[in-house]
Protein backbone atom coordinates (compact mmCIF):
# COMPACT_ATOMS: atom_id res chain seq x y z
CA MET A 1 9.70 27.43 -9.43
CA GLU A 2 12.07 30.01 -8.65
CA ASN A 3 15.51 28.84 -8.28
CA ARG A 4 16.68 30.72 -5.83
CA LEU A 5 19.91 31.63 -4.05
CA LEU A 6 20.33 30.20 -1.26
CA ALA A 7 24.16 30.76 -0.24
CA THR A 8 27.82 30.73 -1.92
CA VAL A 9 30.70 28.48 -0.78
CA ASN A 10 34.09 29.38 -1.78
CA GLY A 11 31.96 31.12 -5.01
CA ILE A 12 30.08 27.73 -5.74
CA GLU A 13 26.21 28.67 -5.60
CA ILE A 14 23.47 26.69 -4.14
CA THR A 15 20.07 26.84 -4.88
CA GLU A 16 16.51 26.03 -4.17
CA ARG A 17 16.66 23.25 -6.66
CA ASP A 18 19.86 21.85 -5.05
CA ILE A 19 18.07 21.38 -1.98
CA GLN A 20 14.95 19.85 -3.94
CA GLU A 21 17.37 17.32 -5.40
CA THR A 22 18.83 16.35 -1.72
CA LEU A 23 15.69 16.17 -0.41
CA THR A 24 14.55 13.21 -3.09
CA ARG A 25 17.22 11.21 -1.65
CA PHE A 26 15.91 11.70 1.96
CA PRO A 27 13.29 8.83 2.76
CA LYS A 28 9.40 9.55 2.05
CA GLU A 29 8.98 9.56 6.21
CA ARG A 30 11.72 12.06 6.56
CA GLN A 31 10.98 14.50 3.62
CA GLU A 32 7.56 15.84 5.32
CA TYR A 33 9.87 17.14 8.29
CA MET A 34 12.47 18.41 5.53
CA HIS A 35 10.15 20.65 4.21
CA SER A 36 9.23 22.62 7.31
CA GLU A 37 11.58 25.52 7.98
CA GLU A 38 13.64 23.98 10.98
CA GLY A 39 14.53 20.91 8.14
CA LYS A 40 14.97 23.28 5.54
CA LYS A 41 17.59 24.88 7.36
CA GLN A 42 19.04 21.66 8.59
CA LEU A 43 19.10 20.47 5.13
CA LEU A 44 20.65 23.99 3.99
CA GLU A 45 23.12 23.73 6.55
CA GLN A 46 24.07 19.86 5.19
CA VAL A 47 24.50 20.81 1.68
CA ILE A 48 26.96 23.77 2.88
CA SER A 49 29.19 20.99 4.72
CA PHE A 50 29.14 19.11 1.63
CA GLU A 51 30.20 21.09 -0.24
CA LEU A 52 33.01 22.89 2.21
CA ILE A 53 34.52 19.03 2.21
CA ASN A 54 34.35 19.47 -1.88
CA CYS A 55 36.68 22.13 -1.24
CA TYR A 56 39.19 20.95 0.98
CA ALA A 57 38.94 17.46 -0.97
CA SER A 58 40.06 19.11 -4.05
CA GLU A 59 42.94 21.53 -2.60
CA ASN A 60 44.31 18.40 -0.99
CA GLY A 61 44.07 16.22 -4.17
CA MET A 62 41.78 13.75 -2.54
CA LYS A 63 40.87 13.12 -6.46
CA GLU A 64 44.27 11.08 -7.02
CA ASP A 65 43.61 8.91 -3.93
CA GLN A 66 43.58 5.16 -4.68
CA GLU A 67 40.29 4.56 -2.42
CA TYR A 68 38.70 7.82 -4.08
CA LYS A 69 39.64 6.20 -7.61
CA ILE A 70 38.55 2.54 -7.20
CA GLN A 71 35.36 3.73 -5.32
CA LEU A 72 34.75 6.06 -8.61
CA GLU A 73 35.23 3.17 -10.96
CA LYS A 74 32.72 1.25 -8.93
CA LEU A 75 29.88 4.38 -8.86
CA LYS A 76 30.33 4.59 -12.79
CA LYS A 77 30.47 0.85 -13.87
CA GLU A 78 26.71 1.20 -11.35
CA ILE A 79 25.23 4.32 -12.87
CA LEU A 80 26.49 2.86 -16.52
CA ILE A 81 24.24 -0.33 -16.14
CA GLN A 82 21.38 0.89 -14.49
CA ALA A 83 21.21 3.65 -17.20
CA THR A 84 21.86 0.72 -19.97
CA ILE A 85 18.88 -1.07 -18.47
CA LYS A 86 16.59 1.74 -17.65
CA LYS A 87 17.09 1.79 -21.43
CA ILE A 88 16.12 -1.34 -22.77
CA LEU A 89 13.34 -1.83 -20.03
CA SER A 90 12.08 2.03 -21.84
CA GLU A 91 11.32 0.48 -25.07
CA VAL A 92 8.47 -1.32 -23.29
CA THR A 93 5.17 -0.56 -23.88
CA VAL A 94 1.61 -1.34 -22.76
CA THR A 95 -1.42 0.28 -24.22
CA ASP A 96 -4.71 0.71 -23.23
CA ASP A 97 -6.62 -1.97 -25.96
CA GLU A 98 -4.22 -4.10 -24.10
CA VAL A 99 -5.41 -3.46 -20.99
CA GLN A 100 -8.63 -3.60 -21.50
CA LYS A 101 -8.38 -7.03 -23.51
CA TYR A 102 -7.26 -7.98 -20.31
CA TYR A 103 -9.38 -6.87 -18.06
CA GLU A 104 -12.74 -8.50 -20.40
CA ALA A 105 -10.37 -12.02 -20.46
CA ASN A 106 -10.01 -11.97 -16.46
CA GLN A 107 -12.99 -10.20 -14.78
CA GLU A 108 -12.81 -13.61 -12.31
CA THR A 109 -9.41 -11.28 -11.23
CA PHE A 110 -11.60 -8.08 -10.35
CA LYS A 111 -15.07 -9.34 -8.53
CA ASN A 112 -15.82 -7.61 -5.73
CA GLU A 113 -16.79 -10.54 -3.11
CA GLU A 114 -20.44 -10.24 -1.54
CA SER A 115 -20.25 -8.58 2.14
CA ILE A 116 -22.66 -7.52 4.49
CA THR A 117 -22.38 -5.21 7.62
CA ALA A 118 -24.10 -6.64 11.00
CA LYS A 119 -24.15 -6.08 14.44
CA HIS A 120 -24.33 -8.69 16.69
CA ILE A 121 -25.50 -9.33 21.02
CA LEU A 122 -23.28 -12.57 22.40
CA VAL A 123 -24.62 -14.18 25.81
CA ASP A 124 -23.74 -17.71 27.74
CA SER A 125 -27.10 -19.33 27.03
CA PHE A 126 -29.81 -20.09 25.05
CA GLU A 127 -32.32 -19.19 27.52
CA GLN A 128 -30.38 -15.73 27.94
CA ALA A 129 -30.74 -14.84 24.02
CA LEU A 130 -34.53 -15.35 24.43
CA THR A 131 -34.76 -12.88 26.79
CA VAL A 132 -32.75 -10.16 25.28
CA LEU A 133 -34.36 -11.53 21.76
CA GLN A 134 -38.14 -10.33 23.25
CA SER A 135 -36.96 -7.15 24.88
CA ILE A 136 -35.59 -6.12 21.64
CA LYS A 137 -39.18 -7.32 19.88
CA ASP A 138 -40.90 -5.59 22.92
CA GLY A 139 -39.31 -2.10 21.55
CA MET A 140 -35.73 -1.98 23.21
CA VAL A 141 -33.23 -0.53 20.80
CA PHE A 142 -30.67 -3.71 19.21
CA GLU A 143 -27.67 -1.02 20.18
CA GLU A 144 -29.00 -0.66 23.67
CA ALA A 145 -29.42 -4.37 24.38
CA ALA A 146 -25.99 -5.38 22.88
CA LEU A 147 -24.17 -2.51 24.93
CA LYS A 148 -26.18 -4.32 27.99
CA TYR A 149 -25.96 -7.38 27.84
CA SER A 150 -23.34 -8.28 25.24
CA SER A 151 -20.59 -9.74 26.18
CA CYS A 152 -18.22 -8.51 23.48
CA PRO A 153 -16.13 -6.02 23.03
CA SER A 154 -18.22 -4.60 20.20
CA LYS A 155 -21.10 -3.99 22.62
CA GLU A 156 -19.07 -0.27 23.27
CA LYS A 157 -20.29 0.08 19.64
CA GLY A 158 -23.55 -0.84 19.29
CA GLY A 159 -22.52 -4.81 18.83
CA ASP A 160 -21.21 -3.18 15.23
CA LEU A 161 -19.00 -5.45 13.63
CA GLY A 162 -18.49 -3.73 10.60
CA ASN A 163 -18.21 -4.82 6.37
CA PHE A 164 -16.82 -8.57 6.15
CA THR A 165 -16.35 -11.03 3.08
CA ARG A 166 -17.57 -15.00 3.83
CA GLY A 167 -14.56 -16.60 5.15
CA ARG A 168 -14.25 -14.38 8.22
CA MET A 169 -16.32 -15.32 10.42
CA VAL A 170 -17.00 -18.77 12.29
CA PRO A 171 -19.15 -20.75 9.58
CA GLU A 172 -22.14 -20.55 12.18
CA PHE A 173 -22.24 -16.88 12.46
CA GLU A 174 -21.09 -16.49 8.70
CA LYS A 175 -24.24 -18.83 7.36
CA ALA A 176 -27.29 -17.51 9.47
CA ALA A 177 -25.99 -13.81 8.62
CA PHE A 178 -25.52 -13.81 5.00
CA GLN A 179 -28.68 -15.45 4.80
CA LEU A 180 -30.68 -12.70 7.04
CA GLU A 181 -32.75 -10.04 5.44
CA VAL A 182 -31.82 -5.90 6.46
CA GLY A 183 -33.29 -4.59 9.39
CA VAL A 184 -34.01 -8.24 10.93
CA VAL A 185 -32.80 -9.92 13.97
CA SER A 186 -32.12 -13.21 14.01
CA GLU A 187 -33.15 -16.17 16.23
CA PRO A 188 -30.62 -17.48 18.29
CA VAL A 189 -27.45 -18.60 17.01
CA LYS A 190 -25.30 -21.27 18.66
CA THR A 191 -21.25 -21.32 17.98
CA GLN A 192 -18.37 -21.77 20.58
CA PHE A 193 -18.30 -18.42 21.44
CA GLY A 194 -21.99 -18.73 22.98
CA TYR A 195 -24.97 -17.53 21.36
CA HIS A 196 -25.12 -14.64 18.80
CA LEU A 197 -28.53 -12.17 18.12
CA ILE A 198 -27.24 -10.67 14.43
CA LYS A 199 -28.45 -7.94 12.61
CA VAL A 200 -27.34 -7.09 9.28
CA GLU A 201 -27.20 -3.18 8.67
CA GLY A 202 -26.52 -3.67 5.14
CA LYS A 203 -25.44 -6.01 1.49
CA GLY A 204 -23.07 -5.69 -0.98
CA GLU A 205 -23.77 -8.06 -3.80
CA ALA A 206 -20.64 -9.67 -5.29
CA SER A 207 -19.53 -7.42 -8.43
CA VAL A 208 -17.15 -6.85 -10.66
CA LYS A 209 -14.61 -3.95 -10.76
CA ALA A 210 -15.89 -0.96 -13.30
CA PHE A 211 -12.69 -1.17 -15.61
CA GLU A 212 -11.10 2.34 -15.04
CA GLU A 213 -11.33 1.84 -11.31
CA VAL A 214 -8.64 -1.22 -12.02
CA LYS A 215 -7.06 -0.01 -15.26
CA THR A 216 -3.65 1.58 -13.99
CA THR A 217 -3.01 -1.73 -11.84
CA ILE A 218 -3.54 -3.57 -14.84
CA LYS A 219 -1.26 -1.75 -16.80
CA LYS A 220 1.08 -1.64 -14.32
CA GLU A 221 1.45 -5.01 -13.81
CA LEU A 222 1.00 -5.95 -17.09
CA LEU A 223 4.74 -3.57 -18.35
CA ASN A 224 6.24 -4.48 -15.29
CA GLU A 225 5.56 -8.63 -16.03
CA ARG A 226 6.39 -7.84 -19.81
CA GLN A 227 9.85 -5.92 -18.63
CA GLY A 228 10.75 -8.61 -16.59
CA PHE A 229 10.18 -10.93 -19.54
CA LYS A 230 12.30 -8.27 -21.55
CA TYR A 231 15.58 -7.81 -18.99
CA MET A 232 15.89 -11.56 -19.13
CA GLN A 233 15.57 -11.85 -22.68
CA PHE A 234 18.15 -9.47 -23.63
CA VAL A 235 20.38 -10.78 -20.49
CA GLU A 236 20.57 -14.42 -22.68
CA GLY A 237 21.29 -12.10 -25.41
CA LEU A 238 24.53 -11.15 -23.78
CA LYS A 239 25.15 -14.48 -22.45
CA ALA A 240 25.30 -15.60 -26.29
CA LYS A 241 27.56 -12.89 -27.35
CA TYR A 242 29.83 -12.58 -24.25
CA LYS A 243 32.04 -15.56 -22.59
CA VAL A 244 30.84 -16.26 -19.14
CA GLU A 245 32.19 -19.13 -16.72
CA VAL A 246 30.78 -19.86 -13.71
CA LYS A 247 33.31 -21.70 -11.35
């Protein structure tokens, strides 16, 4: 990126790179606006304001102010600590081979659960459910029957319940749904909500996620775990070296 000169304040240059560095300090939700033309103008004005205040502070001896010196020392200490931690943790690594071995040893962790995509029609009585089922057998489209007869809000979407895994529905509904073949409409199924006619649109078998799908996540988790251990180990070593008194 070209480091274009945007403004000067008392001889101090403000460049495109200065603006970009300032932008990184904003929350991510604000950065999108700051990338707009209006946002960039506001940001430039803010940076100019800061430089003006810096000029004023330098000319009026603010560097000798006691509060400034106290805050500066605190900031220097914080930066030094963070830089040291960063250096110590940068020594921790995780190889691709280690990630592969972890994946192979923990495949239960990376399972895709069995799932189904289903639609249903909910009515109040067994007799009503049988009547609706007969209408479907006689040629009425399931989605039309759902819109006409179902008392569930899902009727507006043809009874569509989307994709779900075990444990998401009441037991009676789940048992019937997972036993159904794709495209078959169930007999009436009673639950605490009433009587359901269920139609399964698709099934997803239980499977293990591919290595490439989870590789980055595994590596990040292993790295975080090792860095946490490294940090505690490092601090414990310092406790043995420097005197600590807790009162």
